[in-house]
Amino acid sequence: MDRKLLDILVCPLCKGKLTYQKKAAELICPVDRLAFPIRDDIPVMLEDEARKLPEDEEISPEGRS
């Protein structure tokens, strides 16, 4: 993921910061507990495409790059 793109992307629901999870190829919103997929290096920022994170799944601050 391009660092500049990560710096400007926010959650489409709450407008909060996202965490990049490189291994899972997802952008995580810890507030809404949603994981937005990244497909072919393109973030899919649609609520309908996001994966709802279970309450027991820990959100690790893996970094944004």
PDB file of N, CA and C in Angstrom:
ATOM      1  N   MET A   1       0.840  -1.185   0.000  1.00  0.00           N
ATOM      2  CA  MET A   1       0.000   0.000   0.000  1.00  0.00           C
ATOM      3  C   MET A   1       0.877   1.237   0.000  1.00  0.00           C
ATOM      4  N   ASP A   2       0.437   2.203  -0.743  1.00  0.00           N
ATOM      5  CA  ASP A   2       1.141   3.479  -0.809  1.00  0.00           C
ATOM      6  C   ASP A   2       0.937   4.247   0.508  1.00  0.00           C
ATOM      7  N   ARG A   3       2.014   4.661   1.107  1.00  0.00           N
ATOM      8  CA  ARG A   3       1.961   5.365   2.406  1.00  0.00           C
ATOM      9  C   ARG A   3       1.125   6.637   2.329  1.00  0.00           C
ATOM     10  N   LYS A   4       1.229   7.380   1.237  1.00  0.00           N
ATOM     11  CA  LYS A   4       0.456   8.618   1.100  1.00  0.00           C
ATOM     12  C   LYS A   4      -1.046   8.327   1.077  1.00  0.00           C
ATOM     13  N   LEU A   5      -1.416   7.236   0.425  1.00  0.00           N
ATOM     14  CA  LEU A   5      -2.824   6.852   0.380  1.00  0.00           C
ATOM     15  C   LEU A   5      -3.304   6.463   1.780  1.00  0.00           C
ATOM     16  N   LEU A   6      -2.489   5.719   2.511  1.00  0.00           N
ATOM     17  CA  LEU A   6      -2.852   5.326   3.875  1.00  0.00           C
ATOM     18  C   LEU A   6      -3.043   6.531   4.783  1.00  0.00           C
ATOM     19  N   ASP A   7      -2.260   7.568   4.558  1.00  0.00           N
ATOM     20  CA  ASP A   7      -2.348   8.760   5.395  1.00  0.00           C
ATOM     21  C   ASP A   7      -3.638   9.543   5.184  1.00  0.00           C
ATOM     22  N   ILE A   8      -4.250   9.426   4.011  1.00  0.00           N
ATOM     23  CA  ILE A   8      -5.464  10.209   3.752  1.00  0.00           C
ATOM     24  C   ILE A   8      -6.752   9.395   3.869  1.00  0.00           C
ATOM     25  N   LEU A   9      -6.647   8.066   3.841  1.00  0.00           N
ATOM     26  CA  LEU A   9      -7.847   7.238   3.951  1.00  0.00           C
ATOM     27  C   LEU A   9      -8.382   7.239   5.377  1.00  0.00           C
ATOM     28  N   VAL A  10      -9.699   7.326   5.502  1.00  0.00           N
ATOM     29  CA  VAL A  10     -10.371   7.235   6.790  1.00  0.00           C
ATOM     30  C   VAL A  10     -11.559   6.290   6.648  1.00  0.00           C
ATOM     31  N   CYS A  11     -12.089   5.876   7.764  1.00  0.00           N
ATOM     32  CA  CYS A  11     -13.265   5.018   7.758  1.00  0.00           C
ATOM     33  C   CYS A  11     -14.436   5.787   7.128  1.00  0.00           C
ATOM     34  N   PRO A  12     -15.154   5.185   6.192  1.00  0.00           N
ATOM     35  CA  PRO A  12     -16.278   5.888   5.560  1.00  0.00           C
ATOM     36  C   PRO A  12     -17.459   6.105   6.511  1.00  0.00           C
ATOM     37  N   LEU A  13     -17.490   5.399   7.628  1.00  0.00           N
ATOM     38  CA  LEU A  13     -18.603   5.556   8.559  1.00  0.00           C
ATOM     39  C   LEU A  13     -18.328   6.610   9.626  1.00  0.00           C
ATOM     40  N   CYS A  14     -17.216   6.449  10.347  1.00  0.00           N
ATOM     41  CA  CYS A  14     -16.940   7.353  11.472  1.00  0.00           C
ATOM     42  C   CYS A  14     -15.872   8.402  11.156  1.00  0.00           C
ATOM     43  N   LYS A  15     -15.232   8.279  10.004  1.00  0.00           N
ATOM     44  CA  LYS A  15     -14.151   9.182   9.575  1.00  0.00           C
ATOM     45  C   LYS A  15     -12.906   9.056  10.449  1.00  0.00           C
ATOM     46  N   GLY A  16     -12.795   7.937  11.169  1.00  0.00           N
ATOM     47  CA  GLY A  16     -11.646   7.694  12.035  1.00  0.00           C
ATOM     48  C   GLY A  16     -10.469   7.106  11.274  1.00  0.00           C
ATOM     49  N   LYS A  17      -9.317   7.088  11.941  1.00  0.00           N
ATOM     50  CA  LYS A  17      -8.099   6.533  11.348  1.00  0.00           C
ATOM     51  C   LYS A  17      -8.215   5.030  11.186  1.00  0.00           C
ATOM     52  N   LEU A  18      -7.522   4.529  10.179  1.00  0.00           N
ATOM     53  CA  LEU A  18      -7.507   3.102   9.884  1.00  0.00           C
ATOM     54  C   LEU A  18      -6.120   2.538  10.152  1.00  0.00           C
ATOM     55  N   THR A  19      -6.073   1.266  10.488  1.00  0.00           N
ATOM     56  CA  THR A  19      -4.819   0.557  10.694  1.00  0.00           C
ATOM     57  C   THR A  19      -4.640  -0.434   9.556  1.00  0.00           C
ATOM     58  N   TYR A  20      -3.481  -0.418   8.948  1.00  0.00           N
ATOM     59  CA  TYR A  20      -3.181  -1.319   7.837  1.00  0.00           C
ATOM     60  C   TYR A  20      -2.677  -2.649   8.383  1.00  0.00           C
ATOM     61  N   GLN A  21      -3.365  -3.720   8.047  1.00  0.00           N
ATOM     62  CA  GLN A  21      -2.953  -5.070   8.417  1.00  0.00           C
ATOM     63  C   GLN A  21      -2.426  -5.753   7.164  1.00  0.00           C
ATOM     64  N   LYS A  22      -1.120  -5.720   6.997  1.00  0.00           N
ATOM     65  CA  LYS A  22      -0.480  -6.209   5.777  1.00  0.00           C
ATOM     66  C   LYS A  22      -0.758  -7.687   5.524  1.00  0.00           C
ATOM     67  N   LYS A  23      -0.610  -8.532   6.547  1.00  0.00           N
ATOM     68  CA  LYS A  23      -0.803  -9.973   6.370  1.00  0.00           C
ATOM     69  C   LYS A  23      -2.207 -10.320   5.904  1.00  0.00           C
ATOM     70  N   ALA A  24      -3.196  -9.627   6.440  1.00  0.00           N
ATOM     71  CA  ALA A  24      -4.596  -9.904   6.083  1.00  0.00           C
ATOM     72  C   ALA A  24      -5.053  -9.091   4.879  1.00  0.00           C
ATOM     73  N   ALA A  25      -4.234  -8.143   4.423  1.00  0.00           N
ATOM     74  CA  ALA A  25      -4.598  -7.229   3.329  1.00  0.00           C
ATOM     75  C   ALA A  25      -5.922  -6.541   3.637  1.00  0.00           C
ATOM     76  N   GLU A  26      -5.940  -5.877   4.815  1.00  0.00           N
ATOM     77  CA  GLU A  26      -7.144  -5.185   5.251  1.00  0.00           C
ATOM     78  C   GLU A  26      -6.789  -3.858   5.910  1.00  0.00           C
ATOM     79  N   LEU A  27      -7.753  -2.942   5.861  1.00  0.00           N
ATOM     80  CA  LEU A  27      -7.675  -1.709   6.623  1.00  0.00           C
ATOM     81  C   LEU A  27      -8.702  -1.834   7.740  1.00  0.00           C
ATOM     82  N   ILE A  28      -8.257  -1.669   8.979  1.00  0.00           N
ATOM     83  CA  ILE A  28      -9.092  -1.910  10.143  1.00  0.00           C
ATOM     84  C   ILE A  28      -9.540  -0.594  10.767  1.00  0.00           C
ATOM     85  N   CYS A  29     -10.848  -0.508  11.043  1.00  0.00           N
ATOM     86  CA  CYS A  29     -11.385   0.606  11.821  1.00  0.00           C
ATOM     87  C   CYS A  29     -11.680   0.061  13.216  1.00  0.00           C
ATOM     88  N   PRO A  30     -10.881   0.459  14.229  1.00  0.00           N
ATOM     89  CA  PRO A  30     -11.098  -0.063  15.573  1.00  0.00           C
ATOM     90  C   PRO A  30     -12.383   0.446  16.223  1.00  0.00           C
ATOM     91  N   VAL A  31     -12.859   1.602  15.821  1.00  0.00           N
ATOM     92  CA  VAL A  31     -14.075   2.175  16.404  1.00  0.00           C
ATOM     93  C   VAL A  31     -15.308   1.382  15.968  1.00  0.00           C
ATOM     94  N   ASP A  32     -15.442   1.156  14.666  1.00  0.00           N
ATOM     95  CA  ASP A  32     -16.596   0.430  14.130  1.00  0.00           C
ATOM     96  C   ASP A  32     -16.369  -1.077  14.072  1.00  0.00           C
ATOM     97  N   ARG A  33     -15.136  -1.519  14.370  1.00  0.00           N
ATOM     98  CA  ARG A  33     -14.741  -2.930  14.315  1.00  0.00           C
ATOM     99  C   ARG A  33     -15.058  -3.539  12.949  1.00  0.00           C
ATOM    100  N   LEU A  34     -14.594  -2.835  11.923  1.00  0.00           N
ATOM    101  CA  LEU A  34     -14.749  -3.296  10.546  1.00  0.00           C
ATOM    102  C   LEU A  34     -13.387  -3.453   9.906  1.00  0.00           C
ATOM    103  N   ALA A  35     -13.272  -4.459   9.022  1.00  0.00           N
ATOM    104  CA  ALA A  35     -12.048  -4.700   8.265  1.00  0.00           C
ATOM    105  C   ALA A  35     -12.385  -4.543   6.783  1.00  0.00           C
ATOM    106  N   PHE A  36     -11.840  -3.497   6.175  1.00  0.00           N
ATOM    107  CA  PHE A  36     -12.071  -3.231   4.763  1.00  0.00           C
ATOM    108  C   PHE A  36     -11.002  -3.947   3.940  1.00  0.00           C
ATOM    109  N   PRO A  37     -11.409  -4.738   2.960  1.00  0.00           N
ATOM    110  CA  PRO A  37     -10.430  -5.510   2.184  1.00  0.00           C
ATOM    111  C   PRO A  37      -9.634  -4.635   1.219  1.00  0.00           C
ATOM    112  N   ILE A  38      -8.448  -5.113   0.888  1.00  0.00           N
ATOM    113  CA  ILE A  38      -7.621  -4.488  -0.145  1.00  0.00           C
ATOM    114  C   ILE A  38      -7.474  -5.528  -1.247  1.00  0.00           C
ATOM    115  N   ARG A  39      -7.956  -5.198  -2.420  1.00  0.00           N
ATOM    116  CA  ARG A  39      -7.906  -6.131  -3.553  1.00  0.00           C
ATOM    117  C   ARG A  39      -7.109  -5.497  -4.689  1.00  0.00           C
ATOM    118  N   ASP A  40      -6.106  -6.201  -5.140  1.00  0.00           N
ATOM    119  CA  ASP A  40      -5.224  -5.696  -6.211  1.00  0.00           C
ATOM    120  C   ASP A  40      -4.681  -4.318  -5.878  1.00  0.00           C
ATOM    121  N   ASP A  41      -4.261  -4.144  -4.622  1.00  0.00           N
ATOM    122  CA  ASP A  41      -3.708  -2.884  -4.108  1.00  0.00           C
ATOM    123  C   ASP A  41      -4.711  -1.740  -4.084  1.00  0.00           C
ATOM    124  N   ILE A  42      -6.001  -2.047  -4.153  1.00  0.00           N
ATOM    125  CA  ILE A  42      -7.050  -1.022  -4.113  1.00  0.00           C
ATOM    126  C   ILE A  42      -7.933  -1.274  -2.889  1.00  0.00           C
ATOM    127  N   PRO A  43      -7.987  -0.320  -1.955  1.00  0.00           N
ATOM    128  CA  PRO A  43      -8.856  -0.482  -0.801  1.00  0.00           C
ATOM    129  C   PRO A  43     -10.329  -0.422  -1.210  1.00  0.00           C
ATOM    130  N   VAL A  44     -11.100  -1.367  -0.728  1.00  0.00           N
ATOM    131  CA  VAL A  44     -12.544  -1.394  -0.999  1.00  0.00           C
ATOM    132  C   VAL A  44     -13.223  -0.806   0.235  1.00  0.00           C
ATOM    133  N   MET A  45     -13.585   0.457   0.149  1.00  0.00           N
ATOM    134  CA  MET A  45     -14.083   1.195   1.305  1.00  0.00           C
ATOM    135  C   MET A  45     -15.612   1.237   1.345  1.00  0.00           C
ATOM    136  N   LEU A  46     -16.235   0.097   1.109  1.00  0.00           N
ATOM    137  CA  LEU A  46     -17.690  -0.009   1.144  1.00  0.00           C
ATOM    138  C   LEU A  46     -18.102  -0.806   2.371  1.00  0.00           C
ATOM    139  N   GLU A  47     -19.076  -0.299   3.102  1.00  0.00           N
ATOM    140  CA  GLU A  47     -19.526  -0.977   4.310  1.00  0.00           C
ATOM    141  C   GLU A  47     -20.012  -2.398   4.009  1.00  0.00           C
ATOM    142  N   ASP A  48     -20.686  -2.573   2.880  1.00  0.00           N
ATOM    143  CA  ASP A  48     -21.207  -3.887   2.500  1.00  0.00           C
ATOM    144  C   ASP A  48     -20.097  -4.905   2.226  1.00  0.00           C
ATOM    145  N   GLU A  49     -18.915  -4.436   1.869  1.00  0.00           N
ATOM    146  CA  GLU A  49     -17.781  -5.320   1.563  1.00  0.00           C
ATOM    147  C   GLU A  49     -16.898  -5.569   2.786  1.00  0.00           C
ATOM    148  N   ALA A  50     -17.106  -4.801   3.849  1.00  0.00           N
ATOM    149  CA  ALA A  50     -16.263  -4.913   5.041  1.00  0.00           C
ATOM    150  C   ALA A  50     -16.640  -6.143   5.859  1.00  0.00           C
ATOM    151  N   ARG A  51     -15.627  -6.661   6.527  1.00  0.00           N
ATOM    152  CA  ARG A  51     -15.822  -7.801   7.429  1.00  0.00           C
ATOM    153  C   ARG A  51     -16.002  -7.254   8.839  1.00  0.00           C
ATOM    154  N   LYS A  52     -17.080  -7.681   9.498  1.00  0.00           N
ATOM    155  CA  LYS A  52     -17.330  -7.275  10.882  1.00  0.00           C
ATOM    156  C   LYS A  52     -16.411  -8.082  11.793  1.00  0.00           C
ATOM    157  N   LEU A  53     -15.645  -7.380  12.612  1.00  0.00           N
ATOM    158  CA  LEU A  53     -14.718  -8.044  13.517  1.00  0.00           C
ATOM    159  C   LEU A  53     -15.461  -8.533  14.758  1.00  0.00           C
ATOM    160  N   PRO A  54     -15.276  -9.802  15.104  1.00  0.00           N
ATOM    161  CA  PRO A  54     -15.910 -10.318  16.318  1.00  0.00           C
ATOM    162  C   PRO A  54     -15.381  -9.591  17.553  1.00  0.00           C
ATOM    163  N   GLU A  55     -16.203  -9.525  18.590  1.00  0.00           N
ATOM    164  CA  GLU A  55     -15.820  -8.826  19.821  1.00  0.00           C
ATOM    165  C   GLU A  55     -14.565  -9.412  20.456  1.00  0.00           C
ATOM    166  N   ASP A  56     -14.341 -10.715  20.276  1.00  0.00           N
ATOM    167  CA  ASP A  56     -13.182 -11.349  20.908  1.00  0.00           C
ATOM    168  C   ASP A  56     -11.909 -11.272  20.057  1.00  0.00           C
ATOM    169  N   GLU A  57     -12.012 -10.716  18.848  1.00  0.00           N
ATOM    170  CA  GLU A  57     -10.815 -10.586  18.002  1.00  0.00           C
ATOM    171  C   GLU A  57     -10.057  -9.325  18.373  1.00  0.00           C
ATOM    172  N   GLU A  58      -8.786  -9.527  18.690  1.00  0.00           N
ATOM    173  CA  GLU A  58      -7.941  -8.400  19.090  1.00  0.00           C
ATOM    174  C   GLU A  58      -7.506  -7.621  17.858  1.00  0.00           C
ATOM    175  N   ILE A  59      -7.501  -6.316  17.986  1.00  0.00           N
ATOM    176  CA  ILE A  59      -7.040  -5.450  16.898  1.00  0.00           C
ATOM    177  C   ILE A  59      -5.630  -5.021  17.254  1.00  0.00           C
ATOM    178  N   SER A  60      -4.662  -5.583  16.555  1.00  0.00           N
ATOM    179  CA  SER A  60      -3.272  -5.259  16.865  1.00  0.00           C
ATOM    180  C   SER A  60      -2.825  -4.040  16.081  1.00  0.00           C
ATOM    181  N   PRO A  61      -2.131  -3.122  16.728  1.00  0.00           N
ATOM    182  CA  PRO A  61      -1.598  -1.945  16.033  1.00  0.00           C
ATOM    183  C   PRO A  61      -0.355  -2.326  15.254  1.00  0.00           C
ATOM    184  N   GLU A  62      -0.550  -3.008  14.132  1.00  0.00           N
ATOM    185  CA  GLU A  62       0.561  -3.527  13.337  1.00  0.00           C
ATOM    186  C   GLU A  62       1.318  -2.443  12.608  1.00  0.00           C
ATOM    187  N   GLY A  63       0.775  -1.262  12.585  1.00  0.00           N
ATOM    188  CA  GLY A  63       1.434  -0.179  11.857  1.00  0.00           C
ATOM    189  C   GLY A  63       0.699   0.130  10.582  1.00  0.00           C
ATOM    190  N   ARG A  64       1.072   1.229   9.965  1.00  0.00           N
ATOM    191  CA  ARG A  64       0.365   1.687   8.789  1.00  0.00           C
ATOM    192  C   ARG A  64       1.155   1.465   7.507  1.00  0.00           C
ATOM    193  N   SER A  65       2.293   0.818   7.587  1.00  0.00           N
ATOM    194  CA  SER A  65       3.052   0.613   6.341  1.00  0.00           C
ATOM    195  C   SER A  65       3.366  -0.833   6.123  1.00  0.00           C
TER     196      SER A  65
END
